[in-house]
Amino acid sequence: KFEDILENVECDFWDLKREKIDLYKRGGSHNGN
């Protein structure tokens, strides 16, 4: 379920100070990077 959500929200995986993932957001898309 967590990985399903990662497909539809933005997450800057490389950033140690990234924002928390919006776990209840629906729709949307990632930045290409």
Full PDB file with SEQRES, HELIX, SHEET, SSBOND, CRYST1, ORIGX, SCALE, CONECT and MASTER records, all heavy atoms in Angstrom:
SEQRES   1 A   33  LYS PHE GLU ASP ILE LEU GLU ASN VAL GLU CYS ASP PHE          
SEQRES   2 A   33  TRP ASP LEU LYS ARG GLU LYS ILE ASP LEU TYR LYS ARG          
SEQRES   3 A   33  GLY GLY SER HIS ASN GLY ASN                                  
HELIX    1 AA1 PHE A    2  LEU A    6  1                                   5    
CRYST1    1.000    1.000    1.000  90.00  90.00  90.00 P 1           1          
ORIGX1      1.000000  0.000000  0.000000        0.00000                         
ORIGX2      0.000000  1.000000  0.000000        0.00000                         
ORIGX3      0.000000  0.000000  1.000000        0.00000                         
SCALE1      1.000000  0.000000  0.000000        0.00000                         
SCALE2      0.000000  1.000000  0.000000        0.00000                         
SCALE3      0.000000  0.000000  1.000000        0.00000                         
ATOM      1  N   LYS A   1       0.839  -1.200   0.000  1.00  0.00           N  
ATOM      2  CA  LYS A   1       0.000   0.000   0.000  1.00  0.00           C  
ATOM      3  C   LYS A   1       0.875   1.251   0.000  1.00  0.00           C  
ATOM      4  O   LYS A   1       0.592   2.234  -0.702  1.00  0.00           O  
ATOM      5  CB  LYS A   1      -0.911  -0.015   1.230  1.00  0.00           C  
ATOM      6  CG  LYS A   1      -1.819   1.202   1.361  1.00  0.00           C  
ATOM      7  CD  LYS A   1      -2.880   1.226   0.273  1.00  0.00           C  
ATOM      8  CE  LYS A   1      -3.873   2.336   0.513  1.00  0.00           C  
ATOM      9  NZ  LYS A   1      -4.881   2.427  -0.566  1.00  0.00           N  
ATOM     10  N   PHE A   2       1.946   1.216   0.772  1.00  0.00           N  
ATOM     11  CA  PHE A   2       2.875   2.340   0.836  1.00  0.00           C  
ATOM     12  C   PHE A   2       3.494   2.604  -0.538  1.00  0.00           C  
ATOM     13  O   PHE A   2       3.555   3.752  -1.001  1.00  0.00           O  
ATOM     14  CB  PHE A   2       3.967   2.036   1.868  1.00  0.00           C  
ATOM     15  CG  PHE A   2       5.025   3.091   1.991  1.00  0.00           C  
ATOM     16  CD1 PHE A   2       4.719   4.361   2.463  1.00  0.00           C  
ATOM     17  CD2 PHE A   2       6.345   2.810   1.654  1.00  0.00           C  
ATOM     18  CE1 PHE A   2       5.706   5.338   2.593  1.00  0.00           C  
ATOM     19  CE2 PHE A   2       7.341   3.773   1.782  1.00  0.00           C  
ATOM     20  CZ  PHE A   2       7.015   5.036   2.248  1.00  0.00           C  
ATOM     21  N   GLU A   3       3.935   1.566  -1.213  1.00  0.00           N  
ATOM     22  CA  GLU A   3       4.555   1.742  -2.527  1.00  0.00           C  
ATOM     23  C   GLU A   3       3.534   2.174  -3.579  1.00  0.00           C  
ATOM     24  O   GLU A   3       3.874   2.895  -4.520  1.00  0.00           O  
ATOM     25  CB  GLU A   3       5.299   0.483  -2.948  1.00  0.00           C  
ATOM     26  CG  GLU A   3       6.508   0.203  -2.067  1.00  0.00           C  
ATOM     27  CD  GLU A   3       7.509  -0.753  -2.684  1.00  0.00           C  
ATOM     28  OE1 GLU A   3       7.311  -1.175  -3.840  1.00  0.00           O  
ATOM     29  OE2 GLU A   3       8.512  -1.074  -2.013  1.00  0.00           O  
ATOM     30  N   ASP A   4       2.295   1.753  -3.428  1.00  0.00           N  
ATOM     31  CA  ASP A   4       1.236   2.236  -4.324  1.00  0.00           C  
ATOM     32  C   ASP A   4       1.102   3.759  -4.197  1.00  0.00           C  
ATOM     33  O   ASP A   4       0.938   4.466  -5.195  1.00  0.00           O  
ATOM     34  CB  ASP A   4      -0.108   1.578  -3.988  1.00  0.00           C  
ATOM     35  CG  ASP A   4      -0.175   0.131  -4.470  1.00  0.00           C  
ATOM     36  OD1 ASP A   4       0.672  -0.260  -5.286  1.00  0.00           O  
ATOM     37  OD2 ASP A   4      -1.083  -0.588  -4.017  1.00  0.00           O  
ATOM     38  N   ILE A   5       1.162   4.238  -2.977  1.00  0.00           N  
ATOM     39  CA  ILE A   5       1.042   5.678  -2.731  1.00  0.00           C  
ATOM     40  C   ILE A   5       2.229   6.425  -3.327  1.00  0.00           C  
ATOM     41  O   ILE A   5       2.082   7.520  -3.888  1.00  0.00           O  
ATOM     42  CB  ILE A   5       0.923   5.951  -1.216  1.00  0.00           C  
ATOM     43  CG1 ILE A   5      -0.447   5.476  -0.717  1.00  0.00           C  
ATOM     44  CG2 ILE A   5       1.128   7.435  -0.900  1.00  0.00           C  
ATOM     45  CD1 ILE A   5      -0.618   5.559   0.775  1.00  0.00           C  
ATOM     46  N   LEU A   6       3.429   5.833  -3.240  1.00  0.00           N  
ATOM     47  CA  LEU A   6       4.623   6.484  -3.786  1.00  0.00           C  
ATOM     48  C   LEU A   6       4.499   6.738  -5.286  1.00  0.00           C  
ATOM     49  O   LEU A   6       5.155   7.623  -5.829  1.00  0.00           O  
ATOM     50  CB  LEU A   6       5.866   5.622  -3.518  1.00  0.00           C  
ATOM     51  CG  LEU A   6       6.310   5.501  -2.065  1.00  0.00           C  
ATOM     52  CD1 LEU A   6       7.565   4.653  -1.968  1.00  0.00           C  
ATOM     53  CD2 LEU A   6       6.556   6.874  -1.450  1.00  0.00           C  
ATOM     54  N   GLU A   7       3.662   5.955  -5.943  1.00  0.00           N  
ATOM     55  CA  GLU A   7       3.460   6.136  -7.385  1.00  0.00           C  
ATOM     56  C   GLU A   7       2.674   7.402  -7.701  1.00  0.00           C  
ATOM     57  O   GLU A   7       2.699   7.883  -8.826  1.00  0.00           O  
ATOM     58  CB  GLU A   7       2.709   4.927  -7.965  1.00  0.00           C  
ATOM     59  CG  GLU A   7       3.483   3.621  -7.921  1.00  0.00           C  
ATOM     60  CD  GLU A   7       4.586   3.560  -8.961  1.00  0.00           C  
ATOM     61  OE1 GLU A   7       4.631   4.448  -9.838  1.00  0.00           O  
ATOM     62  OE2 GLU A   7       5.410   2.627  -8.888  1.00  0.00           O  
ATOM     63  N   ASN A   8       1.993   7.948  -6.709  1.00  0.00           N  
ATOM     64  CA  ASN A   8       1.058   9.049  -6.984  1.00  0.00           C  
ATOM     65  C   ASN A   8       1.288  10.302  -6.147  1.00  0.00           C  
ATOM     66  O   ASN A   8       0.461  11.203  -6.158  1.00  0.00           O  
ATOM     67  CB  ASN A   8      -0.382   8.556  -6.768  1.00  0.00           C  
ATOM     68  CG  ASN A   8      -0.767   7.482  -7.759  1.00  0.00           C  
ATOM     69  OD1 ASN A   8      -0.853   7.735  -8.950  1.00  0.00           O  
ATOM     70  ND2 ASN A   8      -0.979   6.272  -7.265  1.00  0.00           N  
ATOM     71  N   VAL A   9       2.386  10.347  -5.430  1.00  0.00           N  
ATOM     72  CA  VAL A   9       2.712  11.544  -4.655  1.00  0.00           C  
ATOM     73  C   VAL A   9       4.155  11.917  -4.932  1.00  0.00           C  
ATOM     74  O   VAL A   9       4.931  11.116  -5.443  1.00  0.00           O  
ATOM     75  CB  VAL A   9       2.519  11.327  -3.138  1.00  0.00           C  
ATOM     76  CG1 VAL A   9       1.072  11.014  -2.812  1.00  0.00           C  
ATOM     77  CG2 VAL A   9       3.449  10.237  -2.628  1.00  0.00           C  
ATOM     78  N   GLU A  10       4.512  13.141  -4.593  1.00  0.00           N  
ATOM     79  CA  GLU A  10       5.892  13.567  -4.778  1.00  0.00           C  
ATOM     80  C   GLU A  10       6.716  13.234  -3.542  1.00  0.00           C  
ATOM     81  O   GLU A  10       6.280  13.444  -2.410  1.00  0.00           O  
ATOM     82  CB  GLU A  10       5.951  15.071  -5.067  1.00  0.00           C  
ATOM     83  CG  GLU A  10       5.387  15.428  -6.437  1.00  0.00           C  
ATOM     84  CD  GLU A  10       5.767  16.837  -6.855  1.00  0.00           C  
ATOM     85  OE1 GLU A  10       6.568  17.473  -6.136  1.00  0.00           O  
ATOM     86  OE2 GLU A  10       5.279  17.286  -7.894  1.00  0.00           O  
ATOM     87  N   CYS A  11       7.895  12.700  -3.788  1.00  0.00           N  
ATOM     88  CA  CYS A  11       8.815  12.383  -2.703  1.00  0.00           C  
ATOM     89  C   CYS A  11      10.230  12.576  -3.221  1.00  0.00           C  
ATOM     90  O   CYS A  11      10.619  11.958  -4.206  1.00  0.00           O  
ATOM     91  CB  CYS A  11       8.615  10.947  -2.210  1.00  0.00           C  
ATOM     92  SG  CYS A  11       9.777  10.480  -0.897  1.00  0.00           S  
ATOM     93  N   ASP A  12      10.982  13.430  -2.567  1.00  0.00           N  
ATOM     94  CA  ASP A  12      12.361  13.674  -2.960  1.00  0.00           C  
ATOM     95  C   ASP A  12      13.249  12.705  -2.178  1.00  0.00           C  
ATOM     96  O   ASP A  12      13.782  13.031  -1.124  1.00  0.00           O  
ATOM     97  CB  ASP A  12      12.741  15.125  -2.659  1.00  0.00           C  
ATOM     98  CG  ASP A  12      13.950  15.565  -3.458  1.00  0.00           C  
ATOM     99  OD1 ASP A  12      14.630  14.681  -4.027  1.00  0.00           O  
ATOM    100  OD2 ASP A  12      14.205  16.773  -3.536  1.00  0.00           O  
ATOM    101  N   PHE A  13      13.404  11.508  -2.709  1.00  0.00           N  
ATOM    102  CA  PHE A  13      14.074  10.427  -2.002  1.00  0.00           C  
ATOM    103  C   PHE A  13      15.514  10.741  -1.610  1.00  0.00           C  
ATOM    104  O   PHE A  13      16.056  10.147  -0.687  1.00  0.00           O  
ATOM    105  CB  PHE A  13      14.068   9.161  -2.867  1.00  0.00           C  
ATOM    106  CG  PHE A  13      12.709   8.615  -3.153  1.00  0.00           C  
ATOM    107  CD1 PHE A  13      12.057   8.908  -4.347  1.00  0.00           C  
ATOM    108  CD2 PHE A  13      12.057   7.818  -2.222  1.00  0.00           C  
ATOM    109  CE1 PHE A  13      10.795   8.403  -4.614  1.00  0.00           C  
ATOM    110  CE2 PHE A  13      10.796   7.308  -2.484  1.00  0.00           C  
ATOM    111  CZ  PHE A  13      10.162   7.611  -3.687  1.00  0.00           C  
ATOM    112  N   TRP A  14      16.145  11.665  -2.320  1.00  0.00           N  
ATOM    113  CA  TRP A  14      17.577  11.924  -2.098  1.00  0.00           C  
ATOM    114  C   TRP A  14      17.824  12.960  -0.994  1.00  0.00           C  
ATOM    115  O   TRP A  14      18.972  13.183  -0.629  1.00  0.00           O  
ATOM    116  CB  TRP A  14      18.220  12.419  -3.400  1.00  0.00           C  
ATOM    117  CG  TRP A  14      17.593  11.890  -4.644  1.00  0.00           C  
ATOM    118  CD1 TRP A  14      17.007  12.611  -5.645  1.00  0.00           C  
ATOM    119  CD2 TRP A  14      17.483  10.522  -5.054  1.00  0.00           C  
ATOM    120  NE1 TRP A  14      16.537  11.787  -6.632  1.00  0.00           N  
ATOM    121  CE2 TRP A  14      16.815  10.489  -6.298  1.00  0.00           C  
ATOM    122  CE3 TRP A  14      17.887   9.307  -4.476  1.00  0.00           C  
ATOM    123  CZ2 TRP A  14      16.537   9.318  -6.985  1.00  0.00           C  
ATOM    124  CZ3 TRP A  14      17.604   8.123  -5.154  1.00  0.00           C  
ATOM    125  CH2 TRP A  14      16.950   8.141  -6.388  1.00  0.00           C  
ATOM    126  N   ASP A  15      16.780  13.575  -0.505  1.00  0.00           N  
ATOM    127  CA  ASP A  15      16.900  14.708   0.407  1.00  0.00           C  
ATOM    128  C   ASP A  15      16.670  14.266   1.860  1.00  0.00           C  
ATOM    129  O   ASP A  15      15.584  13.808   2.212  1.00  0.00           O  
ATOM    130  CB  ASP A  15      15.874  15.779   0.021  1.00  0.00           C  
ATOM    131  CG  ASP A  15      16.056  17.074   0.789  1.00  0.00           C  
ATOM    132  OD1 ASP A  15      16.948  17.137   1.664  1.00  0.00           O  
ATOM    133  OD2 ASP A  15      15.308  18.027   0.509  1.00  0.00           O  
ATOM    134  N   LEU A  16      17.698  14.430   2.701  1.00  0.00           N  
ATOM    135  CA  LEU A  16      17.567  14.051   4.111  1.00  0.00           C  
ATOM    136  C   LEU A  16      16.684  15.009   4.892  1.00  0.00           C  
ATOM    137  O   LEU A  16      16.373  14.762   6.057  1.00  0.00           O  
ATOM    138  CB  LEU A  16      18.944  13.969   4.771  1.00  0.00           C  
ATOM    139  CG  LEU A  16      19.857  12.828   4.310  1.00  0.00           C  
ATOM    140  CD1 LEU A  16      21.167  12.858   5.084  1.00  0.00           C  
ATOM    141  CD2 LEU A  16      19.178  11.475   4.480  1.00  0.00           C  
ATOM    142  N   LYS A  17      16.295  16.094   4.246  1.00  0.00           N  
ATOM    143  CA  LYS A  17      15.406  17.055   4.902  1.00  0.00           C  
ATOM    144  C   LYS A  17      14.117  17.222   4.095  1.00  0.00           C  
ATOM    145  O   LYS A  17      13.483  18.280   4.130  1.00  0.00           O  
ATOM    146  CB  LYS A  17      16.125  18.399   5.065  1.00  0.00           C  
ATOM    147  CG  LYS A  17      17.345  18.300   5.964  1.00  0.00           C  
ATOM    148  CD  LYS A  17      18.036  19.640   6.157  1.00  0.00           C  
ATOM    149  CE  LYS A  17      19.238  19.505   7.076  1.00  0.00           C  
ATOM    150  NZ  LYS A  17      19.946  20.795   7.285  1.00  0.00           N  
ATOM    151  N   ARG A  18      13.757  16.169   3.384  1.00  0.00           N  
ATOM    152  CA  ARG A  18      12.558  16.217   2.543  1.00  0.00           C  
ATOM    153  C   ARG A  18      11.294  16.394   3.373  1.00  0.00           C  
ATOM    154  O   ARG A  18      11.270  16.153   4.581  1.00  0.00           O  
ATOM    155  CB  ARG A  18      12.445  14.930   1.719  1.00  0.00           C  
ATOM    156  CG  ARG A  18      12.166  13.673   2.546  1.00  0.00           C  
ATOM    157  CD  ARG A  18      11.852  12.491   1.650  1.00  0.00           C  
ATOM    158  NE  ARG A  18      11.741  11.237   2.380  1.00  0.00           N  
ATOM    159  CZ  ARG A  18      10.650  10.826   3.017  1.00  0.00           C  
ATOM    160  NH1 ARG A  18       9.570  11.594   3.045  1.00  0.00           N  
ATOM    161  NH2 ARG A  18      10.617   9.657   3.634  1.00  0.00           N  
ATOM    162  N   GLU A  19      10.237  16.791   2.691  1.00  0.00           N  
ATOM    163  CA  GLU A  19       8.935  16.866   3.342  1.00  0.00           C  
ATOM    164  C   GLU A  19       8.376  15.464   3.549  1.00  0.00           C  
ATOM    165  O   GLU A  19       8.730  14.526   2.818  1.00  0.00           O  
ATOM    166  CB  GLU A  19       7.960  17.697   2.493  1.00  0.00           C  
ATOM    167  CG  GLU A  19       8.350  19.158   2.370  1.00  0.00           C  
ATOM    168  CD  GLU A  19       7.311  19.952   1.591  1.00  0.00           C  
ATOM    169  OE1 GLU A  19       6.273  19.366   1.213  1.00  0.00           O  
ATOM    170  OE2 GLU A  19       7.540  21.143   1.373  1.00  0.00           O  
ATOM    171  N   LYS A  20       7.525  15.324   4.530  1.00  0.00           N  
ATOM    172  CA  LYS A  20       6.902  14.024   4.761  1.00  0.00           C  
ATOM    173  C   LYS A  20       5.950  13.697   3.619  1.00  0.00           C  
ATOM    174  O   LYS A  20       5.335  14.586   3.032  1.00  0.00           O  
ATOM    175  CB  LYS A  20       6.151  14.034   6.094  1.00  0.00           C  
ATOM    176  CG  LYS A  20       7.074  14.207   7.292  1.00  0.00           C  
ATOM    177  CD  LYS A  20       6.300  14.333   8.593  1.00  0.00           C  
ATOM    178  CE  LYS A  20       7.250  14.579   9.757  1.00  0.00           C  
ATOM    179  NZ  LYS A  20       6.543  14.780  11.034  1.00  0.00           N  
ATOM    180  N   ILE A  21       5.831  12.421   3.316  1.00  0.00           N  
ATOM    181  CA  ILE A  21       4.940  11.978   2.245  1.00  0.00           C  
ATOM    182  C   ILE A  21       3.495  12.172   2.664  1.00  0.00           C  
ATOM    183  O   ILE A  21       3.107  11.849   3.793  1.00  0.00           O  
ATOM    184  CB  ILE A  21       5.193  10.492   1.924  1.00  0.00           C  
ATOM    185  CG1 ILE A  21       6.629  10.297   1.413  1.00  0.00           C  
ATOM    186  CG2 ILE A  21       4.197   9.978   0.897  1.00  0.00           C  
ATOM    187  CD1 ILE A  21       7.042   8.852   1.302  1.00  0.00           C  
ATOM    188  N   ASP A  22       2.699  12.717   1.757  1.00  0.00           N  
ATOM    189  CA  ASP A  22       1.261  12.860   2.008  1.00  0.00           C  
ATOM    190  C   ASP A  22       0.626  11.497   1.780  1.00  0.00           C  
ATOM    191  O   ASP A  22       0.327  11.115   0.659  1.00  0.00           O  
ATOM    192  CB  ASP A  22       0.667  13.908   1.064  1.00  0.00           C  
ATOM    193  CG  ASP A  22      -0.795  14.193   1.373  1.00  0.00           C  
ATOM    194  OD1 ASP A  22      -1.402  13.411   2.139  1.00  0.00           O  
ATOM    195  OD2 ASP A  22      -1.326  15.175   0.849  1.00  0.00           O  
ATOM    196  N   LEU A  23       0.426  10.751   2.841  1.00  0.00           N  
ATOM    197  CA  LEU A  23      -0.005   9.357   2.741  1.00  0.00           C  
ATOM    198  C   LEU A  23      -1.482   9.193   2.407  1.00  0.00           C  
ATOM    199  O   LEU A  23      -1.931   8.085   2.123  1.00  0.00           O  
ATOM    200  CB  LEU A  23       0.300   8.634   4.061  1.00  0.00           C  
ATOM    201  CG  LEU A  23       1.794   8.553   4.390  1.00  0.00           C  
ATOM    202  CD1 LEU A  23       1.994   8.102   5.832  1.00  0.00           C  
ATOM    203  CD2 LEU A  23       2.500   7.602   3.441  1.00  0.00           C  
ATOM    204  N   TYR A  24      -2.213  10.287   2.432  1.00  0.00           N  
ATOM    205  CA  TYR A  24      -3.647  10.173   2.172  1.00  0.00           C  
ATOM    206  C   TYR A  24      -4.081  10.973   0.960  1.00  0.00           C  
ATOM    207  O   TYR A  24      -5.259  11.199   0.732  1.00  0.00           O  
ATOM    208  CB  TYR A  24      -4.433  10.598   3.415  1.00  0.00           C  
ATOM    209  CG  TYR A  24      -4.084   9.719   4.593  1.00  0.00           C  
ATOM    210  CD1 TYR A  24      -3.138  10.125   5.524  1.00  0.00           C  
ATOM    211  CD2 TYR A  24      -4.655   8.456   4.732  1.00  0.00           C  
ATOM    212  CE1 TYR A  24      -2.777   9.298   6.592  1.00  0.00           C  
ATOM    213  CE2 TYR A  24      -4.305   7.623   5.790  1.00  0.00           C  
ATOM    214  CZ  TYR A  24      -3.370   8.046   6.715  1.00  0.00           C  
ATOM    215  OH  TYR A  24      -3.019   7.221   7.746  1.00  0.00           O  
ATOM    216  N   LYS A  25      -3.097  11.407   0.157  1.00  0.00           N  
ATOM    217  CA  LYS A  25      -3.389  12.156  -1.053  1.00  0.00           C  
ATOM    218  C   LYS A  25      -3.784  11.191  -2.162  1.00  0.00           C  
ATOM    219  O   LYS A  25      -3.240  10.101  -2.279  1.00  0.00           O  
ATOM    220  CB  LYS A  25      -2.163  12.969  -1.481  1.00  0.00           C  
ATOM    221  CG  LYS A  25      -2.383  13.823  -2.718  1.00  0.00           C  
ATOM    222  CD  LYS A  25      -1.139  14.646  -3.019  1.00  0.00           C  
ATOM    223  CE  LYS A  25      -1.334  15.516  -4.243  1.00  0.00           C  
ATOM    224  NZ  LYS A  25      -0.122  16.319  -4.537  1.00  0.00           N  
ATOM    225  N   ARG A  26      -4.694  11.588  -2.989  1.00  0.00           N  
ATOM    226  CA  ARG A  26      -5.108  10.777  -4.135  1.00  0.00           C  
ATOM    227  C   ARG A  26      -4.836  11.551  -5.411  1.00  0.00           C  
ATOM    228  O   ARG A  26      -5.074  12.746  -5.492  1.00  0.00           O  
ATOM    229  CB  ARG A  26      -6.602  10.425  -4.055  1.00  0.00           C  
ATOM    230  CG  ARG A  26      -6.942   9.552  -2.852  1.00  0.00           C  
ATOM    231  CD  ARG A  26      -6.316   8.172  -3.011  1.00  0.00           C  
ATOM    232  NE  ARG A  26      -6.580   7.332  -1.846  1.00  0.00           N  
ATOM    233  CZ  ARG A  26      -5.767   7.203  -0.826  1.00  0.00           C  
ATOM    234  NH1 ARG A  26      -4.643   7.888  -0.815  1.00  0.00           N  
ATOM    235  NH2 ARG A  26      -6.061   6.400   0.176  1.00  0.00           N  
ATOM    236  N   GLY A  27      -4.350  10.828  -6.426  1.00  0.00           N  
ATOM    237  CA  GLY A  27      -4.047  11.480  -7.687  1.00  0.00           C  
ATOM    238  C   GLY A  27      -2.704  12.155  -7.638  1.00  0.00           C  
ATOM    239  O   GLY A  27      -1.909  11.938  -6.745  1.00  0.00           O  
ATOM    240  N   GLY A  28      -2.440  13.040  -8.618  1.00  0.00           N  
ATOM    241  CA  GLY A  28      -1.165  13.726  -8.662  1.00  0.00           C  
ATOM    242  C   GLY A  28      -0.121  12.873  -9.354  1.00  0.00           C  
ATOM    243  O   GLY A  28      -0.364  11.736  -9.736  1.00  0.00           O  
ATOM    244  N   SER A  29       1.067  13.421  -9.513  1.00  0.00           N  
ATOM    245  CA  SER A  29       2.129  12.684 -10.176  1.00  0.00           C  
ATOM    246  C   SER A  29       3.476  13.144  -9.654  1.00  0.00           C  
ATOM    247  O   SER A  29       3.599  14.223  -9.075  1.00  0.00           O  
ATOM    248  CB  SER A  29       2.072  12.874 -11.694  1.00  0.00           C  
ATOM    249  OG  SER A  29       2.232  14.243 -12.005  1.00  0.00           O  
ATOM    250  N   HIS A  30       4.497  12.353  -9.899  1.00  0.00           N  
ATOM    251  CA  HIS A  30       5.843  12.677  -9.485  1.00  0.00           C  
ATOM    252  C   HIS A  30       6.506  13.623 -10.439  1.00  0.00           C  
ATOM    253  O   HIS A  30       6.176  13.696 -11.606  1.00  0.00           O  
ATOM    254  CB  HIS A  30       6.690  11.396  -9.468  1.00  0.00           C  
ATOM    255  CG  HIS A  30       6.432  10.538  -8.288  1.00  0.00           C  
ATOM    256  ND1 HIS A  30       6.868  10.845  -7.040  1.00  0.00           N  
ATOM    257  CD2 HIS A  30       5.780   9.350  -8.185  1.00  0.00           C  
ATOM    258  CE1 HIS A  30       6.531   9.886  -6.210  1.00  0.00           C  
ATOM    259  NE2 HIS A  30       5.855   8.984  -6.881  1.00  0.00           N  
ATOM    260  N   ASN A  31       7.484  14.330  -9.908  1.00  0.00           N  
ATOM    261  CA  ASN A  31       8.445  15.000 -10.741  1.00  0.00           C  
ATOM    262  C   ASN A  31       9.217  13.914 -11.474  1.00  0.00           C  
ATOM    263  O   ASN A  31       9.469  12.859 -10.915  1.00  0.00           O  
ATOM    264  CB  ASN A  31       9.387  15.825  -9.849  1.00  0.00           C  
ATOM    265  CG  ASN A  31      10.467  16.518 -10.639  1.00  0.00           C  
ATOM    266  OD1 ASN A  31      11.383  15.880 -11.157  1.00  0.00           O  
ATOM    267  ND2 ASN A  31      10.382  17.835 -10.713  1.00  0.00           N  
ATOM    268  N   GLY A  32       9.616  14.140 -12.710  1.00  0.00           N  
ATOM    269  CA  GLY A  32      10.297  13.108 -13.484  1.00  0.00           C  
ATOM    270  C   GLY A  32      11.553  12.604 -12.841  1.00  0.00           C  
ATOM    271  O   GLY A  32      11.927  11.452 -13.021  1.00  0.00           O  
ATOM    272  N   ASN A  33      12.214  13.416 -12.022  1.00  0.00           N  
ATOM    273  CA  ASN A  33      13.434  12.991 -11.354  1.00  0.00           C  
ATOM    274  C   ASN A  33      13.150  12.212 -10.088  1.00  0.00           C  
ATOM    275  O   ASN A  33      14.049  11.666  -9.472  1.00  0.00           O  
ATOM    276  CB  ASN A  33      14.314  14.205 -10.995  1.00  0.00           C  
ATOM    277  CG  ASN A  33      14.917  14.842 -12.217  1.00  0.00           C  
ATOM    278  OD1 ASN A  33      15.008  14.227 -13.268  1.00  0.00           O  
ATOM    279  ND2 ASN A  33      15.343  16.086 -12.065  1.00  0.00           N  
TER     280      ASN A  33                                                      
MASTER        0    0    0    1    0    0    0    6  279    1    0    3          
END                                                                             
